[in-house]
Amino acid sequence: MLKVGIWAHLMKDVMAHVNTINDAVTTLILNVKGVPLALAGASNPLTSAHVNRRVTASHATANTVAIPDGLMTPGQWVEVLQIGAGATSITVSGAATINGAQTPIAVAVQKTIYCVAEDVYLVY
């Protein structure tokens, strides 16, 4: 009887640690992608607050997400999620370019903007 009690106590401790690890992993994942930041207007220039984050485009009519000059450094990204009824497109302003693509680029549910060089982006 004593062995079963010890086993049950050990399992309880193990499960407490598993739950702690699970909570830590969940927090880490949220910190990596983060809770999406809302873009609600018809014209939405990205800012430094959007870098390495998800943004949601929620607008009833057509809307634009614009990449300004100097927004990101190589390796940084912004994930754009279209959740509104209006069509979302991605454009550039100033000297920024999207490598190998004509703008605007339509967002069909989700696109990632990835910086490959200063003011040069891939959208996939």
PDB file of N, CA and C in Angstrom:
ATOM      1  N   MET A   1       0.815  -1.177   0.000  1.00  0.00           N
ATOM      2  CA  MET A   1       0.000   0.000   0.000  1.00  0.00           C
ATOM      3  C   MET A   1       0.872   1.260   0.000  1.00  0.00           C
ATOM      4  N   LEU A   2       1.962   1.214   0.739  1.00  0.00           N
ATOM      5  CA  LEU A   2       2.853   2.348   0.814  1.00  0.00           C
ATOM      6  C   LEU A   2       3.456   2.663  -0.556  1.00  0.00           C
ATOM      7  N   LYS A   3       3.807   1.619  -1.335  1.00  0.00           N
ATOM      8  CA  LYS A   3       4.404   1.832  -2.658  1.00  0.00           C
ATOM      9  C   LYS A   3       3.434   2.554  -3.585  1.00  0.00           C
ATOM     10  N   VAL A   4       2.171   2.216  -3.568  1.00  0.00           N
ATOM     11  CA  VAL A   4       1.174   2.874  -4.407  1.00  0.00           C
ATOM     12  C   VAL A   4       1.054   4.342  -4.018  1.00  0.00           C
ATOM     13  N   GLY A   5       1.067   4.647  -2.758  1.00  0.00           N
ATOM     14  CA  GLY A   5       0.979   6.028  -2.286  1.00  0.00           C
ATOM     15  C   GLY A   5       2.161   6.860  -2.753  1.00  0.00           C
ATOM     16  N   ILE A   6       3.349   6.291  -2.685  1.00  0.00           N
ATOM     17  CA  ILE A   6       4.548   6.998  -3.134  1.00  0.00           C
ATOM     18  C   ILE A   6       4.480   7.214  -4.645  1.00  0.00           C
ATOM     19  N   TRP A   7       4.056   6.189  -5.383  1.00  0.00           N
ATOM     20  CA  TRP A   7       3.927   6.297  -6.843  1.00  0.00           C
ATOM     21  C   TRP A   7       2.922   7.403  -7.214  1.00  0.00           C
ATOM     22  N   ALA A   8       1.808   7.428  -6.549  1.00  0.00           N
ATOM     23  CA  ALA A   8       0.794   8.444  -6.820  1.00  0.00           C
ATOM     24  C   ALA A   8       1.343   9.839  -6.527  1.00  0.00           C
ATOM     25  N   HIS A   9       2.081   9.984  -5.455  1.00  0.00           N
ATOM     26  CA  HIS A   9       2.675  11.271  -5.098  1.00  0.00           C
ATOM     27  C   HIS A   9       3.704  11.687  -6.156  1.00  0.00           C
ATOM     28  N   LEU A  10       4.554  10.754  -6.602  1.00  0.00           N
ATOM     29  CA  LEU A  10       5.547  11.058  -7.637  1.00  0.00           C
ATOM     30  C   LEU A  10       4.870  11.484  -8.937  1.00  0.00           C
ATOM     31  N   MET A  11       3.811  10.781  -9.320  1.00  0.00           N
ATOM     32  CA  MET A  11       3.092  11.122 -10.552  1.00  0.00           C
ATOM     33  C   MET A  11       2.470  12.510 -10.456  1.00  0.00           C
ATOM     34  N   LYS A  12       1.965  12.848  -9.291  1.00  0.00           N
ATOM     35  CA  LYS A  12       1.388  14.175  -9.089  1.00  0.00           C
ATOM     36  C   LYS A  12       2.460  15.242  -9.288  1.00  0.00           C
ATOM     37  N   ASP A  13       3.663  15.003  -8.735  1.00  0.00           N
ATOM     38  CA  ASP A  13       4.771  15.944  -8.899  1.00  0.00           C
ATOM     39  C   ASP A  13       5.199  16.047 -10.367  1.00  0.00           C
ATOM     40  N   VAL A  14       5.284  14.910 -11.033  1.00  0.00           N
ATOM     41  CA  VAL A  14       5.669  14.902 -12.454  1.00  0.00           C
ATOM     42  C   VAL A  14       4.657  15.695 -13.271  1.00  0.00           C
ATOM     43  N   MET A  15       3.379  15.479 -13.045  1.00  0.00           N
ATOM     44  CA  MET A  15       2.343  16.191 -13.795  1.00  0.00           C
ATOM     45  C   MET A  15       2.377  17.689 -13.512  1.00  0.00           C
ATOM     46  N   ALA A  16       2.701  18.082 -12.310  1.00  0.00           N
ATOM     47  CA  ALA A  16       2.818  19.501 -11.991  1.00  0.00           C
ATOM     48  C   ALA A  16       3.946  20.124 -12.809  1.00  0.00           C
ATOM     49  N   HIS A  17       5.061  19.399 -12.946  1.00  0.00           N
ATOM     50  CA  HIS A  17       6.188  19.894 -13.744  1.00  0.00           C
ATOM     51  C   HIS A  17       5.826  19.926 -15.228  1.00  0.00           C
ATOM     52  N   VAL A  18       5.127  18.923 -15.704  1.00  0.00           N
ATOM     53  CA  VAL A  18       4.701  18.896 -17.106  1.00  0.00           C
ATOM     54  C   VAL A  18       3.805  20.095 -17.394  1.00  0.00           C
ATOM     55  N   ASN A  19       2.872  20.387 -16.507  1.00  0.00           N
ATOM     56  CA  ASN A  19       1.998  21.539 -16.702  1.00  0.00           C
ATOM     57  C   ASN A  19       2.782  22.844 -16.688  1.00  0.00           C
ATOM     58  N   THR A  20       3.782  22.963 -15.832  1.00  0.00           N
ATOM     59  CA  THR A  20       4.618  24.160 -15.784  1.00  0.00           C
ATOM     60  C   THR A  20       5.383  24.324 -17.093  1.00  0.00           C
ATOM     61  N   ILE A  21       5.948  23.221 -17.599  1.00  0.00           N
ATOM     62  CA  ILE A  21       6.675  23.265 -18.871  1.00  0.00           C
ATOM     63  C   ILE A  21       5.724  23.626 -20.005  1.00  0.00           C
ATOM     64  N   ASN A  22       4.541  23.042 -20.018  1.00  0.00           N
ATOM     65  CA  ASN A  22       3.554  23.347 -21.055  1.00  0.00           C
ATOM     66  C   ASN A  22       3.193  24.832 -21.041  1.00  0.00           C
ATOM     67  N   ASP A  23       2.993  25.395 -19.864  1.00  0.00           N
ATOM     68  CA  ASP A  23       2.685  26.822 -19.753  1.00  0.00           C
ATOM     69  C   ASP A  23       3.841  27.678 -20.272  1.00  0.00           C
ATOM     70  N   ALA A  24       5.065  27.279 -19.966  1.00  0.00           N
ATOM     71  CA  ALA A  24       6.237  28.033 -20.412  1.00  0.00           C
ATOM     72  C   ALA A  24       6.369  27.987 -21.929  1.00  0.00           C
ATOM     73  N   VAL A  25       6.136  26.826 -22.530  1.00  0.00           N
ATOM     74  CA  VAL A  25       6.214  26.686 -23.990  1.00  0.00           C
ATOM     75  C   VAL A  25       5.126  27.524 -24.652  1.00  0.00           C
ATOM     76  N   THR A  26       3.926  27.491 -24.125  1.00  0.00           N
ATOM     77  CA  THR A  26       2.828  28.292 -24.673  1.00  0.00           C
ATOM     78  C   THR A  26       3.172  29.771 -24.623  1.00  0.00           C
ATOM     79  N   THR A  27       3.720  30.229 -23.507  1.00  0.00           N
ATOM     80  CA  THR A  27       4.125  31.628 -23.378  1.00  0.00           C
ATOM     81  C   THR A  27       5.209  31.968 -24.393  1.00  0.00           C
ATOM     82  N   LEU A  28       6.174  31.080 -24.573  1.00  0.00           N
ATOM     83  CA  LEU A  28       7.249  31.306 -25.533  1.00  0.00           C
ATOM     84  C   LEU A  28       6.696  31.434 -26.939  1.00  0.00           C
ATOM     85  N   ILE A  29       5.776  30.550 -27.316  1.00  0.00           N
ATOM     86  CA  ILE A  29       5.184  30.609 -28.646  1.00  0.00           C
ATOM     87  C   ILE A  29       4.439  31.920 -28.842  1.00  0.00           C
ATOM     88  N   LEU A  30       3.675  32.341 -27.854  1.00  0.00           N
ATOM     89  CA  LEU A  30       2.958  33.608 -27.969  1.00  0.00           C
ATOM     90  C   LEU A  30       3.919  34.783 -28.076  1.00  0.00           C
ATOM     91  N   ASN A  31       5.039  34.714 -27.383  1.00  0.00           N
ATOM     92  CA  ASN A  31       6.010  35.797 -27.452  1.00  0.00           C
ATOM     93  C   ASN A  31       6.709  35.841 -28.797  1.00  0.00           C
ATOM     94  N   VAL A  32       6.870  34.688 -29.450  1.00  0.00           N
ATOM     95  CA  VAL A  32       7.526  34.658 -30.748  1.00  0.00           C
ATOM     96  C   VAL A  32       6.626  35.287 -31.806  1.00  0.00           C
ATOM     97  N   LYS A  33       5.416  34.835 -31.911  1.00  0.00           N
ATOM     98  CA  LYS A  33       4.491  35.379 -32.913  1.00  0.00           C
ATOM     99  C   LYS A  33       3.626  36.474 -32.314  1.00  0.00           C
ATOM    100  N   GLY A  34       3.340  36.373 -31.057  1.00  0.00           N
ATOM    101  CA  GLY A  34       2.568  37.397 -30.367  1.00  0.00           C
ATOM    102  C   GLY A  34       1.092  37.389 -30.705  1.00  0.00           C
ATOM    103  N   VAL A  35       0.365  38.064 -29.892  1.00  0.00           N
ATOM    104  CA  VAL A  35      -1.043  38.286 -30.156  1.00  0.00           C
ATOM    105  C   VAL A  35      -1.098  39.275 -31.316  1.00  0.00           C
ATOM    106  N   PRO A  36      -1.881  38.987 -32.342  1.00  0.00           N
ATOM    107  CA  PRO A  36      -1.893  39.876 -33.508  1.00  0.00           C
ATOM    108  C   PRO A  36      -2.292  41.310 -33.147  1.00  0.00           C
ATOM    109  N   LEU A  37      -1.657  42.260 -33.820  1.00  0.00           N
ATOM    110  CA  LEU A  37      -2.000  43.671 -33.678  1.00  0.00           C
ATOM    111  C   LEU A  37      -3.008  44.015 -34.770  1.00  0.00           C
ATOM    112  N   ALA A  38      -4.058  44.711 -34.424  1.00  0.00           N
ATOM    113  CA  ALA A  38      -5.134  45.012 -35.370  1.00  0.00           C
ATOM    114  C   ALA A  38      -4.818  46.232 -36.232  1.00  0.00           C
ATOM    115  N   LEU A  39      -5.068  46.079 -37.527  1.00  0.00           N
ATOM    116  CA  LEU A  39      -5.052  47.177 -38.489  1.00  0.00           C
ATOM    117  C   LEU A  39      -6.494  47.325 -38.961  1.00  0.00           C
ATOM    118  N   ALA A  40      -7.119  48.438 -38.683  1.00  0.00           N
ATOM    119  CA  ALA A  40      -8.552  48.546 -38.967  1.00  0.00           C
ATOM    120  C   ALA A  40      -8.893  49.557 -40.054  1.00  0.00           C
ATOM    121  N   GLY A  41      -7.930  50.312 -40.519  1.00  0.00           N
ATOM    122  CA  GLY A  41      -8.230  51.352 -41.497  1.00  0.00           C
ATOM    123  C   GLY A  41      -8.137  50.874 -42.936  1.00  0.00           C
ATOM    124  N   ALA A  42      -8.448  51.776 -43.856  1.00  0.00           N
ATOM    125  CA  ALA A  42      -8.353  51.461 -45.282  1.00  0.00           C
ATOM    126  C   ALA A  42      -6.904  51.535 -45.755  1.00  0.00           C
ATOM    127  N   SER A  43      -6.092  52.366 -45.102  1.00  0.00           N
ATOM    128  CA  SER A  43      -4.684  52.501 -45.450  1.00  0.00           C
ATOM    129  C   SER A  43      -3.873  52.318 -44.169  1.00  0.00           C
ATOM    130  N   ASN A  44      -2.993  51.318 -44.166  1.00  0.00           N
ATOM    131  CA  ASN A  44      -2.292  50.940 -42.936  1.00  0.00           C
ATOM    132  C   ASN A  44      -0.786  50.869 -43.160  1.00  0.00           C
ATOM    133  N   PRO A  45      -0.040  51.952 -42.897  1.00  0.00           N
ATOM    134  CA  PRO A  45       1.410  51.849 -42.974  1.00  0.00           C
ATOM    135  C   PRO A  45       1.935  51.045 -41.781  1.00  0.00           C
ATOM    136  N   LEU A  46       2.825  50.116 -42.052  1.00  0.00           N
ATOM    137  CA  LEU A  46       3.427  49.338 -40.968  1.00  0.00           C
ATOM    138  C   LEU A  46       4.394  50.220 -40.189  1.00  0.00           C
ATOM    139  N   THR A  47       4.567  49.918 -38.905  1.00  0.00           N
ATOM    140  CA  THR A  47       5.493  50.658 -38.046  1.00  0.00           C
ATOM    141  C   THR A  47       6.414  49.658 -37.353  1.00  0.00           C
ATOM    142  N   SER A  48       7.362  50.153 -36.604  1.00  0.00           N
ATOM    143  CA  SER A  48       8.284  49.278 -35.881  1.00  0.00           C
ATOM    144  C   SER A  48       7.551  48.383 -34.878  1.00  0.00           C
ATOM    145  N   ALA A  49       6.384  48.814 -34.404  1.00  0.00           N
ATOM    146  CA  ALA A  49       5.601  47.997 -33.471  1.00  0.00           C
ATOM    147  C   ALA A  49       5.095  46.709 -34.128  1.00  0.00           C
ATOM    148  N   HIS A  50       5.031  46.685 -35.454  1.00  0.00           N
ATOM    149  CA  HIS A  50       4.525  45.519 -36.177  1.00  0.00           C
ATOM    150  C   HIS A  50       5.621  44.514 -36.538  1.00  0.00           C
ATOM    151  N   VAL A  51       6.880  44.914 -36.431  1.00  0.00           N
ATOM    152  CA  VAL A  51       7.999  44.061 -36.845  1.00  0.00           C
ATOM    153  C   VAL A  51       8.091  42.824 -35.951  1.00  0.00           C
ATOM    154  N   ASN A  52       8.284  41.667 -36.608  1.00  0.00           N
ATOM    155  CA  ASN A  52       8.352  40.361 -35.948  1.00  0.00           C
ATOM    156  C   ASN A  52       7.056  40.031 -35.209  1.00  0.00           C
ATOM    157  N   ARG A  53       5.947  40.466 -35.766  1.00  0.00           N
ATOM    158  CA  ARG A  53       4.627  40.239 -35.176  1.00  0.00           C
ATOM    159  C   ARG A  53       3.629  39.874 -36.262  1.00  0.00           C
ATOM    160  N   ARG A  54       2.486  39.399 -35.834  1.00  0.00           N
ATOM    161  CA  ARG A  54       1.341  39.205 -36.713  1.00  0.00           C
ATOM    162  C   ARG A  54       0.489  40.456 -36.653  1.00  0.00           C
ATOM    163  N   VAL A  55      -0.091  40.828 -37.794  1.00  0.00           N
ATOM    164  CA  VAL A  55      -1.068  41.902 -37.814  1.00  0.00           C
ATOM    165  C   VAL A  55      -2.318  41.380 -38.507  1.00  0.00           C
ATOM    166  N   THR A  56      -3.468  41.868 -38.093  1.00  0.00           N
ATOM    167  CA  THR A  56      -4.714  41.483 -38.732  1.00  0.00           C
ATOM    168  C   THR A  56      -5.285  42.684 -39.474  1.00  0.00           C
ATOM    169  N   ALA A  57      -5.704  42.433 -40.711  1.00  0.00           N
ATOM    170  CA  ALA A  57      -6.351  43.459 -41.514  1.00  0.00           C
ATOM    171  C   ALA A  57      -7.840  43.168 -41.495  1.00  0.00           C
ATOM    172  N   SER A  58      -8.576  43.985 -40.779  1.00  0.00           N
ATOM    173  CA  SER A  58     -10.000  43.769 -40.606  1.00  0.00           C
ATOM    174  C   SER A  58     -10.740  45.025 -41.057  1.00  0.00           C
ATOM    175  N   HIS A  59     -11.193  45.004 -42.297  1.00  0.00           N
ATOM    176  CA  HIS A  59     -11.890  46.155 -42.837  1.00  0.00           C
ATOM    177  C   HIS A  59     -12.999  45.655 -43.751  1.00  0.00           C
ATOM    178  N   ALA A  60     -14.116  46.353 -43.776  1.00  0.00           N
ATOM    179  CA  ALA A  60     -15.269  45.917 -44.572  1.00  0.00           C
ATOM    180  C   ALA A  60     -15.049  46.112 -46.073  1.00  0.00           C
ATOM    181  N   THR A  61     -14.164  47.036 -46.438  1.00  0.00           N
ATOM    182  CA  THR A  61     -13.878  47.289 -47.854  1.00  0.00           C
ATOM    183  C   THR A  61     -12.390  47.084 -48.113  1.00  0.00           C
ATOM    184  N   ALA A  62     -11.986  47.255 -49.365  1.00  0.00           N
ATOM    185  CA  ALA A  62     -10.579  47.065 -49.744  1.00  0.00           C
ATOM    186  C   ALA A  62      -9.667  47.895 -48.846  1.00  0.00           C
ATOM    187  N   ASN A  63      -8.521  47.308 -48.474  1.00  0.00           N
ATOM    188  CA  ASN A  63      -7.570  47.985 -47.599  1.00  0.00           C
ATOM    189  C   ASN A  63      -6.152  47.631 -48.002  1.00  0.00           C
ATOM    190  N   THR A  64      -5.223  48.478 -47.583  1.00  0.00           N
ATOM    191  CA  THR A  64      -3.828  48.334 -47.984  1.00  0.00           C
ATOM    192  C   THR A  64      -2.918  48.330 -46.773  1.00  0.00           C
ATOM    193  N   VAL A  65      -1.916  47.449 -46.805  1.00  0.00           N
ATOM    194  CA  VAL A  65      -0.848  47.416 -45.811  1.00  0.00           C
ATOM    195  C   VAL A  65       0.403  47.895 -46.548  1.00  0.00           C
ATOM    196  N   ALA A  66       0.986  49.000 -46.093  1.00  0.00           N
ATOM    197  CA  ALA A  66       2.127  49.609 -46.788  1.00  0.00           C
ATOM    198  C   ALA A  66       3.427  49.396 -46.022  1.00  0.00           C
ATOM    199  N   ILE A  67       4.477  49.050 -46.761  1.00  0.00           N
ATOM    200  CA  ILE A  67       5.815  48.872 -46.189  1.00  0.00           C
ATOM    201  C   ILE A  67       6.608  50.151 -46.441  1.00  0.00           C
ATOM    202  N   PRO A  68       6.906  50.935 -45.410  1.00  0.00           N
ATOM    203  CA  PRO A  68       7.671  52.168 -45.606  1.00  0.00           C
ATOM    204  C   PRO A  68       9.179  51.905 -45.678  1.00  0.00           C
ATOM    205  N   ASP A  69       9.905  52.900 -46.146  1.00  0.00           N
ATOM    206  CA  ASP A  69      11.373  52.818 -46.188  1.00  0.00           C
ATOM    207  C   ASP A  69      11.934  52.549 -44.797  1.00  0.00           C
ATOM    208  N   GLY A  70      12.960  51.727 -44.725  1.00  0.00           N
ATOM    209  CA  GLY A  70      13.705  51.515 -43.488  1.00  0.00           C
ATOM    210  C   GLY A  70      12.956  50.810 -42.376  1.00  0.00           C
ATOM    211  N   LEU A  71      11.868  50.130 -42.701  1.00  0.00           N
ATOM    212  CA  LEU A  71      11.061  49.502 -41.650  1.00  0.00           C
ATOM    213  C   LEU A  71      11.796  48.362 -40.948  1.00  0.00           C
ATOM    214  N   MET A  72      12.446  47.493 -41.723  1.00  0.00           N
ATOM    215  CA  MET A  72      13.039  46.289 -41.131  1.00  0.00           C
ATOM    216  C   MET A  72      14.484  46.121 -41.554  1.00  0.00           C
ATOM    217  N   THR A  73      15.186  45.300 -40.781  1.00  0.00           N
ATOM    218  CA  THR A  73      16.535  44.878 -41.146  1.00  0.00           C
ATOM    219  C   THR A  73      16.460  43.420 -41.592  1.00  0.00           C
ATOM    220  N   PRO A  74      17.464  42.944 -42.329  1.00  0.00           N
ATOM    221  CA  PRO A  74      17.408  41.568 -42.831  1.00  0.00           C
ATOM    222  C   PRO A  74      17.115  40.550 -41.723  1.00  0.00           C
ATOM    223  N   GLY A  75      16.197  39.635 -42.045  1.00  0.00           N
ATOM    224  CA  GLY A  75      15.803  38.594 -41.101  1.00  0.00           C
ATOM    225  C   GLY A  75      14.526  38.916 -40.349  1.00  0.00           C
ATOM    226  N   GLN A  76      14.106  40.165 -40.368  1.00  0.00           N
ATOM    227  CA  GLN A  76      12.866  40.533 -39.678  1.00  0.00           C
ATOM    228  C   GLN A  76      11.675  40.284 -40.598  1.00  0.00           C
ATOM    229  N   TRP A  77      10.478  40.220 -40.005  1.00  0.00           N
ATOM    230  CA  TRP A  77       9.282  39.851 -40.753  1.00  0.00           C
ATOM    231  C   TRP A  77       8.034  40.475 -40.146  1.00  0.00           C
ATOM    232  N   VAL A  78       6.972  40.474 -40.931  1.00  0.00           N
ATOM    233  CA  VAL A  78       5.629  40.817 -40.470  1.00  0.00           C
ATOM    234  C   VAL A  78       4.689  39.829 -41.149  1.00  0.00           C
ATOM    235  N   GLU A  79       3.808  39.236 -40.375  1.00  0.00           N
ATOM    236  CA  GLU A  79       2.818  38.313 -40.928  1.00  0.00           C
ATOM    237  C   GLU A  79       1.481  39.052 -40.991  1.00  0.00           C
ATOM    238  N   VAL A  80       0.873  39.085 -42.178  1.00  0.00           N
ATOM    239  CA  VAL A  80      -0.390  39.794 -42.387  1.00  0.00           C
ATOM    240  C   VAL A  80      -1.510  38.770 -42.539  1.00  0.00           C
ATOM    241  N   LEU A  81      -2.525  38.894 -41.696  1.00  0.00           N
ATOM    242  CA  LEU A  81      -3.684  38.003 -41.742  1.00  0.00           C
ATOM    243  C   LEU A  81      -4.903  38.819 -42.143  1.00  0.00           C
ATOM    244  N   GLN A  82      -5.557  38.429 -43.227  1.00  0.00           N
ATOM    245  CA  GLN A  82      -6.784  39.116 -43.645  1.00  0.00           C
ATOM    246  C   GLN A  82      -7.956  38.460 -42.945  1.00  0.00           C
ATOM    247  N   ILE A  83      -8.643  39.223 -42.088  1.00  0.00           N
ATOM    248  CA  ILE A  83      -9.798  38.660 -41.377  1.00  0.00           C
ATOM    249  C   ILE A  83     -11.080  39.420 -41.660  1.00  0.00           C
ATOM    250  N   GLY A  84     -10.981  40.541 -42.360  1.00  0.00           N
ATOM    251  CA  GLY A  84     -12.168  41.324 -42.683  1.00  0.00           C
ATOM    252  C   GLY A  84     -12.741  40.928 -44.034  1.00  0.00           C
ATOM    253  N   ALA A  85     -13.893  41.476 -44.362  1.00  0.00           N
ATOM    254  CA  ALA A  85     -14.561  41.172 -45.634  1.00  0.00           C
ATOM    255  C   ALA A  85     -13.859  41.833 -46.811  1.00  0.00           C
ATOM    256  N   GLY A  86     -13.186  42.961 -46.573  1.00  0.00           N
ATOM    257  CA  GLY A  86     -12.519  43.681 -47.655  1.00  0.00           C
ATOM    258  C   GLY A  86     -11.223  43.016 -48.084  1.00  0.00           C
ATOM    259  N   ALA A  87     -10.918  43.120 -49.373  1.00  0.00           N
ATOM    260  CA  ALA A  87      -9.667  42.567 -49.902  1.00  0.00           C
ATOM    261  C   ALA A  87      -8.484  43.359 -49.367  1.00  0.00           C
ATOM    262  N   THR A  88      -7.454  42.662 -48.926  1.00  0.00           N
ATOM    263  CA  THR A  88      -6.245  43.292 -48.388  1.00  0.00           C
ATOM    264  C   THR A  88      -5.118  43.156 -49.396  1.00  0.00           C
ATOM    265  N   SER A  89      -4.361  44.222 -49.597  1.00  0.00           N
ATOM    266  CA  SER A  89      -3.192  44.154 -50.474  1.00  0.00           C
ATOM    267  C   SER A  89      -1.988  44.756 -49.764  1.00  0.00           C
ATOM    268  N   ILE A  90      -0.794  44.324 -50.207  1.00  0.00           N
ATOM    269  CA  ILE A  90       0.466  44.810 -49.644  1.00  0.00           C
ATOM    270  C   ILE A  90       1.157  45.653 -50.703  1.00  0.00           C
ATOM    271  N   THR A  91       1.585  46.850 -50.310  1.00  0.00           N
ATOM    272  CA  THR A  91       2.306  47.732 -51.216  1.00  0.00           C
ATOM    273  C   THR A  91       3.577  48.227 -50.518  1.00  0.00           C
ATOM    274  N   VAL A  92       4.403  48.917 -51.293  1.00  0.00           N
ATOM    275  CA  VAL A  92       5.609  49.540 -50.735  1.00  0.00           C
ATOM    276  C   VAL A  92       5.506  51.042 -50.941  1.00  0.00           C
ATOM    277  N   SER A  93       6.254  51.777 -50.149  1.00  0.00           N
ATOM    278  CA  SER A  93       6.322  53.226 -50.340  1.00  0.00           C
ATOM    279  C   SER A  93       7.787  53.625 -50.390  1.00  0.00           C
ATOM    280  N   GLY A  94       8.074  54.731 -51.048  1.00  0.00           N
ATOM    281  CA  GLY A  94       9.451  55.206 -51.132  1.00  0.00           C
ATOM    282  C   GLY A  94      10.322  54.260 -51.931  1.00  0.00           C
ATOM    283  N   ALA A  95      11.526  53.989 -51.420  1.00  0.00           N
ATOM    284  CA  ALA A  95      12.510  53.178 -52.123  1.00  0.00           C
ATOM    285  C   ALA A  95      12.370  51.677 -51.859  1.00  0.00           C
ATOM    286  N   ALA A  96      11.510  51.295 -50.942  1.00  0.00           N
ATOM    287  CA  ALA A  96      11.347  49.871 -50.625  1.00  0.00           C
ATOM    288  C   ALA A  96      10.829  49.117 -51.843  1.00  0.00           C
ATOM    289  N   THR A  97      11.289  47.870 -52.000  1.00  0.00           N
ATOM    290  CA  THR A  97      10.846  47.029 -53.114  1.00  0.00           C
ATOM    291  C   THR A  97      10.506  45.639 -52.607  1.00  0.00           C
ATOM    292  N   ILE A  98       9.617  45.005 -53.341  1.00  0.00           N
ATOM    293  CA  ILE A  98       9.302  43.606 -53.071  1.00  0.00           C
ATOM    294  C   ILE A  98       9.969  42.810 -54.178  1.00  0.00           C
ATOM    295  N   ASN A  99      10.909  41.966 -53.802  1.00  0.00           N
ATOM    296  CA  ASN A  99      11.734  41.226 -54.743  1.00  0.00           C
ATOM    297  C   ASN A  99      10.888  40.340 -55.655  1.00  0.00           C
ATOM    298  N   GLY A 100      11.009  40.564 -56.945  1.00  0.00           N
ATOM    299  CA  GLY A 100      10.368  39.696 -57.928  1.00  0.00           C
ATOM    300  C   GLY A 100       8.867  39.792 -57.998  1.00  0.00           C
ATOM    301  N   ALA A 101       8.279  40.882 -57.548  1.00  0.00           N
ATOM    302  CA  ALA A 101       6.820  40.959 -57.554  1.00  0.00           C
ATOM    303  C   ALA A 101       6.353  42.346 -57.943  1.00  0.00           C
ATOM    304  N   GLN A 102       5.232  42.374 -58.598  1.00  0.00           N
ATOM    305  CA  GLN A 102       4.549  43.637 -58.884  1.00  0.00           C
ATOM    306  C   GLN A 102       3.662  43.952 -57.686  1.00  0.00           C
ATOM    307  N   THR A 103       3.576  45.204 -57.332  1.00  0.00           N
ATOM    308  CA  THR A 103       2.674  45.563 -56.238  1.00  0.00           C
ATOM    309  C   THR A 103       1.462  46.260 -56.827  1.00  0.00           C
ATOM    310  N   PRO A 104       0.328  46.216 -56.200  1.00  0.00           N
ATOM    311  CA  PRO A 104       0.084  45.580 -54.896  1.00  0.00           C
ATOM    312  C   PRO A 104      -0.025  44.066 -54.995  1.00  0.00           C
ATOM    313  N   ILE A 105       0.274  43.417 -53.898  1.00  0.00           N
ATOM    314  CA  ILE A 105       0.157  41.965 -53.781  1.00  0.00           C
ATOM    315  C   ILE A 105      -1.082  41.668 -52.952  1.00  0.00           C
ATOM    316  N   ALA A 106      -1.962  40.840 -53.496  1.00  0.00           N
ATOM    317  CA  ALA A 106      -3.187  40.491 -52.778  1.00  0.00           C
ATOM    318  C   ALA A 106      -2.876  39.532 -51.641  1.00  0.00           C
ATOM    319  N   VAL A 107      -3.515  39.740 -50.510  1.00  0.00           N
ATOM    320  CA  VAL A 107      -3.390  38.845 -49.368  1.00  0.00           C
ATOM    321  C   VAL A 107      -4.615  37.941 -49.372  1.00  0.00           C
ATOM    322  N   ALA A 108      -4.392  36.672 -49.630  1.00  0.00           N
ATOM    323  CA  ALA A 108      -5.490  35.700 -49.579  1.00  0.00           C
ATOM    324  C   ALA A 108      -5.350  34.961 -48.254  1.00  0.00           C
ATOM    325  N   VAL A 109      -5.943  35.462 -47.235  1.00  0.00           N
ATOM    326  CA  VAL A 109      -5.933  34.962 -45.866  1.00  0.00           C
ATOM    327  C   VAL A 109      -4.646  35.324 -45.136  1.00  0.00           C
ATOM    328  N   GLN A 110      -3.457  34.945 -45.656  1.00  0.00           N
ATOM    329  CA  GLN A 110      -2.218  35.182 -44.912  1.00  0.00           C
ATOM    330  C   GLN A 110      -1.039  35.357 -45.855  1.00  0.00           C
ATOM    331  N   LYS A 111      -0.170  36.316 -45.556  1.00  0.00           N
ATOM    332  CA  LYS A 111       1.102  36.522 -46.260  1.00  0.00           C
ATOM    333  C   LYS A 111       2.147  36.926 -45.236  1.00  0.00           C
ATOM    334  N   THR A 112       3.385  36.542 -45.494  1.00  0.00           N
ATOM    335  CA  THR A 112       4.504  36.957 -44.653  1.00  0.00           C
ATOM    336  C   THR A 112       5.393  37.894 -45.462  1.00  0.00           C
ATOM    337  N   ILE A 113       5.732  39.019 -44.872  1.00  0.00           N
ATOM    338  CA  ILE A 113       6.669  39.972 -45.466  1.00  0.00           C
ATOM    339  C   ILE A 113       8.006  39.717 -44.775  1.00  0.00           C
ATOM    340  N   TYR A 114       9.037  39.340 -45.546  1.00  0.00           N
ATOM    341  CA  TYR A 114      10.331  38.985 -44.972  1.00  0.00           C
ATOM    342  C   TYR A 114      11.398  39.892 -45.573  1.00  0.00           C
ATOM    343  N   CYS A 115      12.177  40.545 -44.719  1.00  0.00           N
ATOM    344  CA  CYS A 115      13.229  41.452 -45.172  1.00  0.00           C
ATOM    345  C   CYS A 115      14.494  40.660 -45.503  1.00  0.00           C
ATOM    346  N   VAL A 116      14.963  40.790 -46.763  1.00  0.00           N
ATOM    347  CA  VAL A 116      16.184  40.081 -47.179  1.00  0.00           C
ATOM    348  C   VAL A 116      17.385  41.010 -47.259  1.00  0.00           C
ATOM    349  N   ALA A 117      17.141  42.300 -47.407  1.00  0.00           N
ATOM    350  CA  ALA A 117      18.197  43.312 -47.430  1.00  0.00           C
ATOM    351  C   ALA A 117      17.520  44.645 -47.124  1.00  0.00           C
ATOM    352  N   GLU A 118      18.312  45.688 -46.912  1.00  0.00           N
ATOM    353  CA  GLU A 118      17.715  46.978 -46.598  1.00  0.00           C
ATOM    354  C   GLU A 118      16.707  47.390 -47.667  1.00  0.00           C
ATOM    355  N   ASP A 119      15.459  47.569 -47.266  1.00  0.00           N
ATOM    356  CA  ASP A 119      14.354  47.955 -48.136  1.00  0.00           C
ATOM    357  C   ASP A 119      14.058  46.981 -49.269  1.00  0.00           C
ATOM    358  N   VAL A 120      14.463  45.718 -49.117  1.00  0.00           N
ATOM    359  CA  VAL A 120      14.152  44.665 -50.086  1.00  0.00           C
ATOM    360  C   VAL A 120      13.428  43.546 -49.353  1.00  0.00           C
ATOM    361  N   TYR A 121      12.235  43.207 -49.851  1.00  0.00           N
ATOM    362  CA  TYR A 121      11.371  42.257 -49.149  1.00  0.00           C
ATOM    363  C   TYR A 121      10.911  41.127 -50.065  1.00  0.00           C
ATOM    364  N   LEU A 122      10.711  39.973 -49.456  1.00  0.00           N
ATOM    365  CA  LEU A 122      10.027  38.857 -50.100  1.00  0.00           C
ATOM    366  C   LEU A 122       8.655  38.781 -49.459  1.00  0.00           C
ATOM    367  N   VAL A 123       7.648  38.486 -50.258  1.00  0.00           N
ATOM    368  CA  VAL A 123       6.300  38.277 -49.718  1.00  0.00           C
ATOM    369  C   VAL A 123       5.861  36.902 -50.162  1.00  0.00           C
ATOM    370  N   TYR A 124       5.538  36.070 -49.212  1.00  0.00           N
ATOM    371  CA  TYR A 124       5.120  34.697 -49.526  1.00  0.00           C
ATOM    372  C   TYR A 124       3.979  34.267 -48.648  1.00  0.00           C
TER     373      TYR A 124
END
